[in-house]
Amino acid sequence: MPHSSTFKASLTSSVRRYLHPTASIRDLQPLTAGSSADTWKFDVITEQGEQPLILRRLALDENISTAVSKKTEALVQQAAVANGVIAPRVRFILEEIDQLGHGYVMDRIEGESIPQKILKQDTFSVAREHMTAQCGTLLARIHTTPLDTLPPLPNLTATAQVEELFNLYRSYEQYQPVFDVAFCWLREHIPRSVTPALVHGDFRHGNFMVDRQGICGILDWELTHIGDPMEDIGWLCVNSWRFGNPHNPIGGFGKRDEFYQTYRKQNDVEIDEAAIHFWEIFGTLKWGVICLFQCFSHLTGKIRSMERAAIGRRVSETEIDLLQLVNATGKTTSKDMSHAI
């Protein structure tokens, strides 16, 4: 994705406005873009030296999730960092005068984010030993971020998220009996109400930046919201994020007991394993619906893509995971299956 001279000139003006009046930029390059974020790396050059930075801005692409605005994302990231979370420092938030759309610029940190490399390469052998405890510490700090330091955020209850995901699933008209059963199970096992906390919303492999010593940054805060902190833990444990290491439920690298022990030390909120199991089933179903969405966009001709068609085939993997997770709770019955058929 090449950049235009106008884009580079606008970014240079913004850097001079917020960081240094005589700064220049070089090595402006696009990185892999997510569904709601357009990401660029570049270096800022001043008399004091070189500063590696990242630009994240809103991408014009379809998205099945409701992401917060880029300004909100940046403000939440700032608040989390102030509470001891390891994440890139936000340098400035774009305004209308910048003519670059909605976004922000943050520090660029060096490390690896590709899960298969982190889980398999000898380079990260020491990191893998540290990551379970780090995840416990980092999530505890996210969940204890003072709410009065945050911008307005959506408050997403378990009931509301289940119904929103169900309506999305039904809109694709690609019905999966296992998904129907999972939705029934979720409706019958809504966790008890808890004190709302900051939830990252996508705390998993792919959003960890890892160096030789462990996690050096938490990325992608676009799905952040207020809700049940156990949601983040359940999502972290989804089998799809273990990448072929099913016996290590914490991201394919760790055990629950070590994670729980570290989380408890940092956070005054008790671990609710039943709620975590609920959110693990919800997260598995959510990923299944996302896979279904990818296939749906291909089958309808909206975006013809062999990659999307291939991702659609992964629906079957989530069905197997859901059957195992639901079965782990004992026989599942439904008072009324008709609402999910």
C-alpha atoms as a PDB file:
ATOM      1  CA  MET A   1       0.000   0.000   0.000  1.00  0.00           C
ATOM      2  CA  PRO A   2       2.054   2.982  -1.208  1.00  0.00           C
ATOM      3  CA  HIS A   3       1.621   6.368   0.400  1.00  0.00           C
ATOM      4  CA  SER A   4       0.988   9.624  -1.407  1.00  0.00           C
ATOM      5  CA  SER A   5       3.161  12.692  -1.098  1.00  0.00           C
ATOM      6  CA  THR A   6       0.162  14.493   0.414  1.00  0.00           C
ATOM      7  CA  PHE A   7      -0.156  11.858   3.132  1.00  0.00           C
ATOM      8  CA  LYS A   8       3.523  12.119   4.042  1.00  0.00           C
ATOM      9  CA  ALA A   9       3.372  15.915   4.015  1.00  0.00           C
ATOM     10  CA  SER A  10       0.333  15.926   6.321  1.00  0.00           C
ATOM     11  CA  LEU A  11       2.010  13.496   8.710  1.00  0.00           C
ATOM     12  CA  THR A  12       5.174  15.600   8.722  1.00  0.00           C
ATOM     13  CA  SER A  13       3.136  18.699   9.580  1.00  0.00           C
ATOM     14  CA  SER A  14       1.463  16.849  12.441  1.00  0.00           C
ATOM     15  CA  VAL A  15       4.781  15.630  13.827  1.00  0.00           C
ATOM     16  CA  ARG A  16       6.118  19.175  13.735  1.00  0.00           C
ATOM     17  CA  ARG A  17       2.968  20.491  15.393  1.00  0.00           C
ATOM     18  CA  TYR A  18       2.999  18.071  18.318  1.00  0.00           C
ATOM     19  CA  LEU A  19       6.592  16.873  18.744  1.00  0.00           C
ATOM     20  CA  HIS A  20       9.232  19.160  17.247  1.00  0.00           C
ATOM     21  CA  PRO A  21       8.969  22.203  14.931  1.00  0.00           C
ATOM     22  CA  THR A  22      11.842  21.131  12.630  1.00  0.00           C
ATOM     23  CA  ALA A  23      11.269  17.368  12.606  1.00  0.00           C
ATOM     24  CA  SER A  24      11.328  15.291   9.447  1.00  0.00           C
ATOM     25  CA  ILE A  25      10.128  11.738   8.875  1.00  0.00           C
ATOM     26  CA  ARG A  26      11.635   8.870   6.950  1.00  0.00           C
ATOM     27  CA  ASP A  27      11.038   5.189   6.224  1.00  0.00           C
ATOM     28  CA  LEU A  28       7.270   5.612   6.203  1.00  0.00           C
ATOM     29  CA  GLN A  29       5.931   2.096   5.621  1.00  0.00           C
ATOM     30  CA  PRO A  30       2.536   0.405   5.979  1.00  0.00           C
ATOM     31  CA  LEU A  31       2.189  -2.546   8.313  1.00  0.00           C
ATOM     32  CA  THR A  32      -0.447  -5.270   8.191  1.00  0.00           C
ATOM     33  CA  ALA A  33      -3.753  -3.503   8.644  1.00  0.00           C
ATOM     34  CA  GLY A  34      -6.512  -4.791  10.878  1.00  0.00           C
ATOM     35  CA  SER A  35     -10.205  -4.582  10.124  1.00  0.00           C
ATOM     36  CA  SER A  36     -10.596  -1.198  11.809  1.00  0.00           C
ATOM     37  CA  ALA A  37      -7.029   0.120  11.969  1.00  0.00           C
ATOM     38  CA  ASP A  38      -4.655   1.326   9.289  1.00  0.00           C
ATOM     39  CA  THR A  39      -1.138   1.045  10.738  1.00  0.00           C
ATOM     40  CA  TRP A  40       2.073   2.732   9.566  1.00  0.00           C
ATOM     41  CA  LYS A  41       5.594   2.802  10.972  1.00  0.00           C
ATOM     42  CA  PHE A  42       8.014   5.687  10.528  1.00  0.00           C
ATOM     43  CA  ASP A  43      10.994   7.399  12.125  1.00  0.00           C
ATOM     44  CA  VAL A  44      11.041  11.001  13.330  1.00  0.00           C
ATOM     45  CA  ILE A  45      14.381  12.762  12.857  1.00  0.00           C
ATOM     46  CA  THR A  46      15.357  15.791  14.968  1.00  0.00           C
ATOM     47  CA  GLU A  47      18.560  17.362  16.222  1.00  0.00           C
ATOM     48  CA  GLN A  48      18.257  15.122  19.283  1.00  0.00           C
ATOM     49  CA  GLY A  49      18.268  11.943  17.209  1.00  0.00           C
ATOM     50  CA  GLU A  50      15.842   9.371  15.837  1.00  0.00           C
ATOM     51  CA  GLN A  51      12.509   8.348  17.330  1.00  0.00           C
ATOM     52  CA  PRO A  52      10.650   5.231  16.029  1.00  0.00           C
ATOM     53  CA  LEU A  53       6.875   5.722  15.964  1.00  0.00           C
ATOM     54  CA  ILE A  54       3.617   4.083  14.856  1.00  0.00           C
ATOM     55  CA  LEU A  55       0.546   5.737  13.338  1.00  0.00           C
ATOM     56  CA  ARG A  56      -2.801   4.006  13.901  1.00  0.00           C
ATOM     57  CA  ARG A  57      -5.814   5.472  12.168  1.00  0.00           C
ATOM     58  CA  LEU A  58      -9.323   4.415  11.228  1.00  0.00           C
ATOM     59  CA  ALA A  59      -9.491   2.134   8.189  1.00  0.00           C
ATOM     60  CA  LEU A  60     -12.450   2.170   5.822  1.00  0.00           C
ATOM     61  CA  ASP A  61     -13.289  -1.519   5.911  1.00  0.00           C
ATOM     62  CA  GLU A  62     -16.194  -3.643   7.083  1.00  0.00           C
ATOM     63  CA  ASN A  63     -16.017  -4.760  10.667  1.00  0.00           C
ATOM     64  CA  ILE A  64     -18.289  -7.113  12.577  1.00  0.00           C
ATOM     65  CA  SER A  65     -17.291  -5.633  15.927  1.00  0.00           C
ATOM     66  CA  THR A  66     -18.120  -2.250  17.382  1.00  0.00           C
ATOM     67  CA  ALA A  67     -14.747  -0.672  17.993  1.00  0.00           C
ATOM     68  CA  VAL A  68     -14.332   2.484  20.030  1.00  0.00           C
ATOM     69  CA  SER A  69     -13.077   5.608  18.298  1.00  0.00           C
ATOM     70  CA  LYS A  70      -9.350   5.954  17.795  1.00  0.00           C
ATOM     71  CA  LYS A  71      -9.309   8.914  20.197  1.00  0.00           C
ATOM     72  CA  THR A  72     -11.004   6.815  22.862  1.00  0.00           C
ATOM     73  CA  GLU A  73      -8.611   3.930  22.185  1.00  0.00           C
ATOM     74  CA  ALA A  74      -5.638   6.237  22.693  1.00  0.00           C
ATOM     75  CA  LEU A  75      -7.027   7.723  25.913  1.00  0.00           C
ATOM     76  CA  VAL A  76      -7.701   4.251  27.367  1.00  0.00           C
ATOM     77  CA  GLN A  77      -4.198   3.140  26.430  1.00  0.00           C
ATOM     78  CA  GLN A  78      -2.791   6.200  28.200  1.00  0.00           C
ATOM     79  CA  ALA A  79      -4.828   5.492  31.337  1.00  0.00           C
ATOM     80  CA  ALA A  80      -3.754   1.838  31.390  1.00  0.00           C
ATOM     81  CA  VAL A  81      -0.085   2.784  31.047  1.00  0.00           C
ATOM     82  CA  ALA A  82      -0.503   5.204  33.954  1.00  0.00           C
ATOM     83  CA  ASN A  83      -1.759   2.225  36.006  1.00  0.00           C
ATOM     84  CA  GLY A  84       1.350   0.153  35.272  1.00  0.00           C
ATOM     85  CA  VAL A  85       0.293  -1.685  32.118  1.00  0.00           C
ATOM     86  CA  ILE A  86       3.096  -2.277  29.606  1.00  0.00           C
ATOM     87  CA  ALA A  87       1.904  -0.644  26.385  1.00  0.00           C
ATOM     88  CA  PRO A  88       3.305   1.871  23.888  1.00  0.00           C
ATOM     89  CA  ARG A  89       3.257   5.481  25.034  1.00  0.00           C
ATOM     90  CA  VAL A  90       0.794   7.630  23.067  1.00  0.00           C
ATOM     91  CA  ARG A  91       2.598  10.687  21.677  1.00  0.00           C
ATOM     92  CA  PHE A  92      -0.347  12.590  20.213  1.00  0.00           C
ATOM     93  CA  ILE A  93      -3.938  12.171  19.031  1.00  0.00           C
ATOM     94  CA  LEU A  94      -4.903  13.412  15.585  1.00  0.00           C
ATOM     95  CA  GLU A  95      -7.226  16.403  15.308  1.00  0.00           C
ATOM     96  CA  GLU A  96      -9.212  17.745  12.372  1.00  0.00           C
ATOM     97  CA  ILE A  97      -6.417  20.199  11.551  1.00  0.00           C
ATOM     98  CA  ASP A  98      -4.092  17.267  10.779  1.00  0.00           C
ATOM     99  CA  GLN A  99      -6.192  16.114   7.787  1.00  0.00           C
ATOM    100  CA  LEU A 100      -5.229  12.500   8.422  1.00  0.00           C
ATOM    101  CA  GLY A 101      -8.541  11.169   9.690  1.00  0.00           C
ATOM    102  CA  HIS A 102      -9.124   9.655  13.112  1.00  0.00           C
ATOM    103  CA  GLY A 103      -6.057   8.186  14.759  1.00  0.00           C
ATOM    104  CA  TYR A 104      -3.061   8.627  16.992  1.00  0.00           C
ATOM    105  CA  VAL A 105       0.715   8.260  17.052  1.00  0.00           C
ATOM    106  CA  MET A 106       2.522   6.131  19.622  1.00  0.00           C
ATOM    107  CA  ASP A 107       5.982   4.779  20.361  1.00  0.00           C
ATOM    108  CA  ARG A 108       7.173   1.845  18.296  1.00  0.00           C
ATOM    109  CA  ILE A 109       8.453  -1.020  20.411  1.00  0.00           C
ATOM    110  CA  GLU A 110      10.646  -3.793  19.083  1.00  0.00           C
ATOM    111  CA  GLY A 111       9.573  -7.382  19.418  1.00  0.00           C
ATOM    112  CA  GLU A 112       7.638 -10.249  17.861  1.00  0.00           C
ATOM    113  CA  SER A 113       3.860 -10.629  17.645  1.00  0.00           C
ATOM    114  CA  ILE A 114       3.494 -13.742  15.457  1.00  0.00           C
ATOM    115  CA  PRO A 115       2.217 -16.504  17.800  1.00  0.00           C
ATOM    116  CA  GLN A 116       3.795 -19.448  15.992  1.00  0.00           C
ATOM    117  CA  LYS A 117       7.262 -17.901  16.313  1.00  0.00           C
ATOM    118  CA  ILE A 118       6.765 -17.004  19.969  1.00  0.00           C
ATOM    119  CA  LEU A 119       5.559 -20.505  20.848  1.00  0.00           C
ATOM    120  CA  LYS A 120       8.133 -22.493  18.861  1.00  0.00           C
ATOM    121  CA  GLN A 121      11.386 -20.623  18.390  1.00  0.00           C
ATOM    122  CA  ASP A 122      14.273 -21.102  20.837  1.00  0.00           C
ATOM    123  CA  THR A 123      14.758 -17.331  20.790  1.00  0.00           C
ATOM    124  CA  PHE A 124      11.663 -16.999  22.983  1.00  0.00           C
ATOM    125  CA  SER A 125      12.274 -19.934  25.343  1.00  0.00           C
ATOM    126  CA  VAL A 126      12.948 -17.630  28.320  1.00  0.00           C
ATOM    127  CA  ALA A 127      10.042 -15.389  27.344  1.00  0.00           C
ATOM    128  CA  ARG A 128       7.631 -18.328  27.416  1.00  0.00           C
ATOM    129  CA  GLU A 129       8.645 -19.062  31.014  1.00  0.00           C
ATOM    130  CA  HIS A 130       7.687 -15.531  32.058  1.00  0.00           C
ATOM    131  CA  MET A 131       4.565 -14.877  29.981  1.00  0.00           C
ATOM    132  CA  THR A 132       1.988 -16.668  32.143  1.00  0.00           C
ATOM    133  CA  ALA A 133       2.805 -14.633  35.237  1.00  0.00           C
ATOM    134  CA  GLN A 134       3.090 -11.504  33.113  1.00  0.00           C
ATOM    135  CA  CYS A 135      -0.396 -12.053  31.721  1.00  0.00           C
ATOM    136  CA  GLY A 136      -1.755 -12.364  35.260  1.00  0.00           C
ATOM    137  CA  THR A 137      -0.057  -9.149  36.338  1.00  0.00           C
ATOM    138  CA  LEU A 138      -0.984  -7.187  33.227  1.00  0.00           C
ATOM    139  CA  LEU A 139      -4.635  -8.202  33.217  1.00  0.00           C
ATOM    140  CA  ALA A 140      -4.914  -7.387  36.919  1.00  0.00           C
ATOM    141  CA  ARG A 141      -3.537  -3.913  36.244  1.00  0.00           C
ATOM    142  CA  ILE A 142      -5.899  -3.412  33.308  1.00  0.00           C
ATOM    143  CA  HIS A 143      -8.860  -4.495  35.444  1.00  0.00           C
ATOM    144  CA  THR A 144      -7.891  -2.166  38.307  1.00  0.00           C
ATOM    145  CA  THR A 145      -7.427   0.904  36.111  1.00  0.00           C
ATOM    146  CA  PRO A 146      -9.464   3.624  37.879  1.00  0.00           C
ATOM    147  CA  LEU A 147     -12.689   4.160  35.962  1.00  0.00           C
ATOM    148  CA  ASP A 148     -12.587   7.896  36.648  1.00  0.00           C
ATOM    149  CA  THR A 149      -9.398   8.136  34.536  1.00  0.00           C
ATOM    150  CA  LEU A 150     -11.144   6.720  31.459  1.00  0.00           C
ATOM    151  CA  PRO A 151     -13.123   8.368  28.670  1.00  0.00           C
ATOM    152  CA  PRO A 152     -16.781   7.314  28.234  1.00  0.00           C
ATOM    153  CA  LEU A 153     -16.880   3.629  27.226  1.00  0.00           C
ATOM    154  CA  PRO A 154     -19.648   1.176  26.350  1.00  0.00           C
ATOM    155  CA  ASN A 155     -20.783  -0.970  29.266  1.00  0.00           C
ATOM    156  CA  LEU A 156     -21.207  -4.446  27.783  1.00  0.00           C
ATOM    157  CA  THR A 157     -23.034  -7.010  29.903  1.00  0.00           C
ATOM    158  CA  ALA A 158     -22.902 -10.736  29.227  1.00  0.00           C
ATOM    159  CA  THR A 159     -26.585 -10.831  28.261  1.00  0.00           C
ATOM    160  CA  ALA A 160     -26.231  -7.951  25.800  1.00  0.00           C
ATOM    161  CA  GLN A 161     -23.138  -9.473  24.157  1.00  0.00           C
ATOM    162  CA  VAL A 162     -24.779 -12.886  23.728  1.00  0.00           C
ATOM    163  CA  GLU A 163     -27.826 -11.347  22.061  1.00  0.00           C
ATOM    164  CA  GLU A 164     -25.745  -9.080  19.829  1.00  0.00           C
ATOM    165  CA  LEU A 165     -23.620 -12.026  18.697  1.00  0.00           C
ATOM    166  CA  PHE A 166     -26.733 -14.143  18.105  1.00  0.00           C
ATOM    167  CA  ASN A 167     -28.340 -11.474  15.904  1.00  0.00           C
ATOM    168  CA  LEU A 168     -25.121 -11.171  13.924  1.00  0.00           C
ATOM    169  CA  TYR A 169     -24.926 -14.949  13.482  1.00  0.00           C
ATOM    170  CA  ARG A 170     -28.525 -15.165  12.293  1.00  0.00           C
ATOM    171  CA  SER A 171     -27.960 -12.392   9.745  1.00  0.00           C
ATOM    172  CA  TYR A 172     -25.543 -14.609   7.777  1.00  0.00           C
ATOM    173  CA  GLU A 173     -28.166 -17.356   7.292  1.00  0.00           C
ATOM    174  CA  GLN A 174     -25.438 -19.994   7.536  1.00  0.00           C
ATOM    175  CA  TYR A 175     -26.939 -22.014  10.356  1.00  0.00           C
ATOM    176  CA  GLN A 176     -24.745 -24.284  12.448  1.00  0.00           C
ATOM    177  CA  PRO A 177     -26.536 -26.651  14.902  1.00  0.00           C
ATOM    178  CA  VAL A 178     -23.583 -26.612  17.310  1.00  0.00           C
ATOM    179  CA  PHE A 179     -23.706 -22.819  17.410  1.00  0.00           C
ATOM    180  CA  ASP A 180     -27.431 -22.985  18.195  1.00  0.00           C
ATOM    181  CA  VAL A 181     -26.757 -25.285  21.142  1.00  0.00           C
ATOM    182  CA  ALA A 182     -23.937 -23.017  22.370  1.00  0.00           C
ATOM    183  CA  PHE A 183     -26.193 -19.962  22.299  1.00  0.00           C
ATOM    184  CA  CYS A 184     -28.777 -21.864  24.374  1.00  0.00           C
ATOM    185  CA  TRP A 185     -26.099 -22.862  26.887  1.00  0.00           C
ATOM    186  CA  LEU A 186     -24.866 -19.281  27.208  1.00  0.00           C
ATOM    187  CA  ARG A 187     -28.364 -17.927  27.797  1.00  0.00           C
ATOM    188  CA  GLU A 188     -28.877 -20.424  30.612  1.00  0.00           C
ATOM    189  CA  HIS A 189     -25.520 -19.756  32.314  1.00  0.00           C
ATOM    190  CA  ILE A 190     -25.210 -15.962  32.423  1.00  0.00           C
ATOM    191  CA  PRO A 191     -22.655 -15.134  35.175  1.00  0.00           C
ATOM    192  CA  ARG A 192     -23.688 -13.258  38.294  1.00  0.00           C
ATOM    193  CA  SER A 193     -23.339  -9.503  38.242  1.00  0.00           C
ATOM    194  CA  VAL A 194     -19.921  -8.154  39.165  1.00  0.00           C
ATOM    195  CA  THR A 195     -18.369  -4.790  39.849  1.00  0.00           C
ATOM    196  CA  PRO A 196     -17.681  -3.352  36.371  1.00  0.00           C
ATOM    197  CA  ALA A 197     -14.049  -2.960  35.356  1.00  0.00           C
ATOM    198  CA  LEU A 198     -11.995  -1.939  32.355  1.00  0.00           C
ATOM    199  CA  VAL A 199     -11.840  -4.836  29.883  1.00  0.00           C
ATOM    200  CA  HIS A 200      -9.203  -4.909  27.127  1.00  0.00           C
ATOM    201  CA  GLY A 201     -11.537  -6.907  24.879  1.00  0.00           C
ATOM    202  CA  ASP A 202      -8.895  -8.649  22.758  1.00  0.00           C
ATOM    203  CA  PHE A 203      -6.178  -9.789  25.174  1.00  0.00           C
ATOM    204  CA  ARG A 204      -4.550 -12.689  23.300  1.00  0.00           C
ATOM    205  CA  HIS A 205      -1.697 -13.817  21.072  1.00  0.00           C
ATOM    206  CA  GLY A 206      -1.282 -11.445  18.164  1.00  0.00           C
ATOM    207  CA  ASN A 207      -1.817  -8.474  20.460  1.00  0.00           C
ATOM    208  CA  PHE A 208       1.230  -9.245  22.611  1.00  0.00           C
ATOM    209  CA  MET A 209       4.576  -7.788  21.581  1.00  0.00           C
ATOM    210  CA  VAL A 210       7.225 -10.168  22.895  1.00  0.00           C
ATOM    211  CA  ASP A 211      11.008  -9.917  23.188  1.00  0.00           C
ATOM    212  CA  ARG A 212      13.529 -12.417  24.589  1.00  0.00           C
ATOM    213  CA  GLN A 213      12.468 -11.694  28.183  1.00  0.00           C
ATOM    214  CA  GLY A 214       8.698 -11.792  27.738  1.00  0.00           C
ATOM    215  CA  ILE A 215       5.814  -9.459  26.955  1.00  0.00           C
ATOM    216  CA  CYS A 216       7.055  -5.946  26.239  1.00  0.00           C
ATOM    217  CA  GLY A 217       3.784  -4.367  25.132  1.00  0.00           C
ATOM    218  CA  ILE A 218       0.013  -4.894  24.902  1.00  0.00           C
ATOM    219  CA  LEU A 219      -1.431  -3.704  21.592  1.00  0.00           C
ATOM    220  CA  ASP A 220      -4.810  -3.088  19.911  1.00  0.00           C
ATOM    221  CA  TRP A 221      -7.169  -1.535  22.467  1.00  0.00           C
ATOM    222  CA  GLU A 222      -9.931  -0.911  19.925  1.00  0.00           C
ATOM    223  CA  LEU A 223     -12.440  -3.341  21.530  1.00  0.00           C
ATOM    224  CA  THR A 224     -11.979  -1.983  25.048  1.00  0.00           C
ATOM    225  CA  HIS A 225     -15.093  -1.512  27.187  1.00  0.00           C
ATOM    226  CA  ILE A 226     -16.491  -1.664  30.689  1.00  0.00           C
ATOM    227  CA  GLY A 227     -17.662  -5.101  31.777  1.00  0.00           C
ATOM    228  CA  ASP A 228     -16.852  -8.357  33.550  1.00  0.00           C
ATOM    229  CA  PRO A 229     -13.052  -8.725  33.984  1.00  0.00           C
ATOM    230  CA  MET A 230     -13.424 -12.514  33.663  1.00  0.00           C
ATOM    231  CA  GLU A 231     -14.243 -11.884  29.983  1.00  0.00           C
ATOM    232  CA  ASP A 232     -10.586 -11.105  29.231  1.00  0.00           C
ATOM    233  CA  ILE A 233      -9.439 -14.292  30.971  1.00  0.00           C
ATOM    234  CA  GLY A 234     -11.937 -16.476  29.121  1.00  0.00           C
ATOM    235  CA  TRP A 235     -10.913 -14.968  25.778  1.00  0.00           C
ATOM    236  CA  LEU A 236      -7.232 -15.578  26.558  1.00  0.00           C
ATOM    237  CA  CYS A 237      -8.021 -19.274  27.144  1.00  0.00           C
ATOM    238  CA  VAL A 238      -9.863 -19.885  23.846  1.00  0.00           C
ATOM    239  CA  ASN A 239      -8.298 -22.928  22.178  1.00  0.00           C
ATOM    240  CA  SER A 240      -7.751 -21.114  18.883  1.00  0.00           C
ATOM    241  CA  TRP A 241      -5.236 -18.835  20.639  1.00  0.00           C
ATOM    242  CA  ARG A 242      -3.188 -21.815  21.856  1.00  0.00           C
ATOM    243  CA  PHE A 243      -1.949 -22.528  18.331  1.00  0.00           C
ATOM    244  CA  GLY A 244      -1.537 -26.275  18.592  1.00  0.00           C
ATOM    245  CA  ASN A 245      -0.730 -26.422  22.325  1.00  0.00           C
ATOM    246  CA  PRO A 246      -4.120 -27.423  23.795  1.00  0.00           C
ATOM    247  CA  HIS A 247      -2.690 -28.535  27.149  1.00  0.00           C
ATOM    248  CA  ASN A 248      -1.488 -24.996  27.905  1.00  0.00           C
ATOM    249  CA  PRO A 249      -4.752 -23.073  28.207  1.00  0.00           C
ATOM    250  CA  ILE A 250      -3.089 -19.723  28.867  1.00  0.00           C
ATOM    251  CA  GLY A 251      -2.194 -18.746  25.314  1.00  0.00           C
ATOM    252  CA  GLY A 252      -0.546 -22.078  24.497  1.00  0.00           C
ATOM    253  CA  PHE A 253       2.325 -21.304  26.892  1.00  0.00           C
ATOM    254  CA  GLY A 254       0.979 -21.572  30.451  1.00  0.00           C
ATOM    255  CA  LYS A 255      -1.272 -23.210  33.033  1.00  0.00           C
ATOM    256  CA  ARG A 256      -4.320 -21.751  34.704  1.00  0.00           C
ATOM    257  CA  ASP A 257      -3.047 -22.206  38.285  1.00  0.00           C
ATOM    258  CA  GLU A 258       0.049 -20.057  37.757  1.00  0.00           C
ATOM    259  CA  PHE A 259      -1.983 -17.397  35.993  1.00  0.00           C
ATOM    260  CA  TYR A 260      -4.683 -17.374  38.694  1.00  0.00           C
ATOM    261  CA  GLN A 261      -2.094 -17.157  41.469  1.00  0.00           C
ATOM    262  CA  THR A 262      -0.400 -14.128  39.909  1.00  0.00           C
ATOM    263  CA  TYR A 263      -3.710 -12.433  39.087  1.00  0.00           C
ATOM    264  CA  ARG A 264      -4.917 -12.853  42.688  1.00  0.00           C
ATOM    265  CA  LYS A 265      -1.725 -11.289  44.063  1.00  0.00           C
ATOM    266  CA  GLN A 266      -2.250  -8.165  41.964  1.00  0.00           C
ATOM    267  CA  ASN A 267      -6.034  -7.864  42.047  1.00  0.00           C
ATOM    268  CA  ASP A 268      -8.375  -7.763  45.019  1.00  0.00           C
ATOM    269  CA  VAL A 269     -11.130  -9.386  42.916  1.00  0.00           C
ATOM    270  CA  GLU A 270     -11.488 -13.148  43.347  1.00  0.00           C
ATOM    271  CA  ILE A 271     -11.192 -15.463  40.347  1.00  0.00           C
ATOM    272  CA  ASP A 272     -14.601 -16.817  39.264  1.00  0.00           C
ATOM    273  CA  GLU A 273     -13.821 -20.024  37.371  1.00  0.00           C
ATOM    274  CA  ALA A 274     -17.463 -20.591  36.392  1.00  0.00           C
ATOM    275  CA  ALA A 275     -17.576 -17.130  34.826  1.00  0.00           C
ATOM    276  CA  ILE A 276     -14.262 -17.767  33.050  1.00  0.00           C
ATOM    277  CA  HIS A 277     -15.716 -20.994  31.614  1.00  0.00           C
ATOM    278  CA  PHE A 278     -18.754 -19.031  30.397  1.00  0.00           C
ATOM    279  CA  TRP A 279     -16.552 -16.446  28.710  1.00  0.00           C
ATOM    280  CA  GLU A 280     -14.329 -19.138  27.199  1.00  0.00           C
ATOM    281  CA  ILE A 281     -17.402 -20.678  25.566  1.00  0.00           C
ATOM    282  CA  PHE A 282     -18.590 -17.233  24.495  1.00  0.00           C
ATOM    283  CA  GLY A 283     -15.152 -16.406  23.072  1.00  0.00           C
ATOM    284  CA  THR A 284     -14.978 -19.696  21.178  1.00  0.00           C
ATOM    285  CA  LEU A 285     -18.425 -19.072  19.722  1.00  0.00           C
ATOM    286  CA  LYS A 286     -17.492 -15.476  18.903  1.00  0.00           C
ATOM    287  CA  TRP A 287     -14.429 -16.637  16.967  1.00  0.00           C
ATOM    288  CA  GLY A 288     -16.613 -19.182  15.174  1.00  0.00           C
ATOM    289  CA  VAL A 289     -19.021 -16.439  14.130  1.00  0.00           C
ATOM    290  CA  ILE A 290     -16.079 -14.322  12.942  1.00  0.00           C
ATOM    291  CA  CYS A 291     -14.899 -17.259  10.804  1.00  0.00           C
ATOM    292  CA  LEU A 292     -18.447 -17.585   9.485  1.00  0.00           C
ATOM    293  CA  PHE A 293     -18.436 -13.875   8.657  1.00  0.00           C
ATOM    294  CA  GLN A 294     -15.232 -14.234   6.636  1.00  0.00           C
ATOM    295  CA  CYS A 295     -16.790 -17.044   4.621  1.00  0.00           C
ATOM    296  CA  PHE A 296     -20.060 -15.109   4.292  1.00  0.00           C
ATOM    297  CA  SER A 297     -18.297 -12.110   2.745  1.00  0.00           C
ATOM    298  CA  HIS A 298     -16.742 -14.438   0.158  1.00  0.00           C
ATOM    299  CA  LEU A 299     -19.880 -16.452  -0.631  1.00  0.00           C
ATOM    300  CA  THR A 300     -21.989 -13.326  -1.121  1.00  0.00           C
ATOM    301  CA  GLY A 301     -19.407 -11.880  -3.519  1.00  0.00           C
ATOM    302  CA  LYS A 302     -18.832  -8.820  -1.318  1.00  0.00           C
ATOM    303  CA  ILE A 303     -15.133  -9.638  -1.046  1.00  0.00           C
ATOM    304  CA  ARG A 304     -13.972 -12.536  -3.191  1.00  0.00           C
ATOM    305  CA  SER A 305     -11.023 -14.043  -1.367  1.00  0.00           C
ATOM    306  CA  MET A 306      -9.571 -17.527  -1.120  1.00  0.00           C
ATOM    307  CA  GLU A 307      -8.135 -16.529   2.245  1.00  0.00           C
ATOM    308  CA  ARG A 308     -11.582 -15.668   3.568  1.00  0.00           C
ATOM    309  CA  ALA A 309     -13.014 -18.879   2.180  1.00  0.00           C
ATOM    310  CA  ALA A 310     -10.251 -20.840   3.910  1.00  0.00           C
ATOM    311  CA  ILE A 311     -10.878 -19.068   7.221  1.00  0.00           C
ATOM    312  CA  GLY A 312     -14.529 -20.020   6.855  1.00  0.00           C
ATOM    313  CA  ARG A 313     -13.531 -23.660   6.949  1.00  0.00           C
ATOM    314  CA  ARG A 314     -12.226 -23.117  10.482  1.00  0.00           C
ATOM    315  CA  VAL A 315     -15.820 -22.931  11.682  1.00  0.00           C
ATOM    316  CA  SER A 316     -15.622 -26.704  12.162  1.00  0.00           C
ATOM    317  CA  GLU A 317     -12.698 -26.298  14.575  1.00  0.00           C
ATOM    318  CA  THR A 318     -14.727 -24.018  16.808  1.00  0.00           C
ATOM    319  CA  GLU A 319     -17.637 -26.483  16.686  1.00  0.00           C
ATOM    320  CA  ILE A 320     -15.395 -29.218  18.093  1.00  0.00           C
ATOM    321  CA  ASP A 321     -14.110 -26.866  20.792  1.00  0.00           C
ATOM    322  CA  LEU A 322     -17.661 -25.839  21.722  1.00  0.00           C
ATOM    323  CA  LEU A 323     -18.852 -29.435  22.030  1.00  0.00           C
ATOM    324  CA  GLN A 324     -15.944 -30.237  24.352  1.00  0.00           C
ATOM    325  CA  LEU A 325     -16.470 -27.116  26.463  1.00  0.00           C
ATOM    326  CA  VAL A 326     -20.215 -27.555  26.817  1.00  0.00           C
ATOM    327  CA  ASN A 327     -19.802 -31.265  27.581  1.00  0.00           C
ATOM    328  CA  ALA A 328     -17.314 -30.390  30.331  1.00  0.00           C
ATOM    329  CA  THR A 329     -20.185 -28.837  32.299  1.00  0.00           C
ATOM    330  CA  GLY A 330     -22.270 -31.993  32.138  1.00  0.00           C
ATOM    331  CA  LYS A 331     -25.400 -32.662  30.122  1.00  0.00           C
ATOM    332  CA  THR A 332     -26.757 -29.484  28.605  1.00  0.00           C
ATOM    333  CA  THR A 333     -30.477 -29.038  28.292  1.00  0.00           C
ATOM    334  CA  SER A 334     -32.528 -26.143  27.082  1.00  0.00           C
ATOM    335  CA  LYS A 335     -35.920 -25.052  28.276  1.00  0.00           C
ATOM    336  CA  ASP A 336     -36.709 -23.822  24.806  1.00  0.00           C
ATOM    337  CA  MET A 337     -34.489 -24.638  21.825  1.00  0.00           C
ATOM    338  CA  SER A 338     -36.870 -22.847  19.463  1.00  0.00           C
ATOM    339  CA  HIS A 339     -35.332 -19.424  20.074  1.00  0.00           C
ATOM    340  CA  ALA A 340     -32.006 -20.587  18.601  1.00  0.00           C
ATOM    341  CA  ILE A 341     -33.240 -22.552  15.580  1.00  0.00           C
END
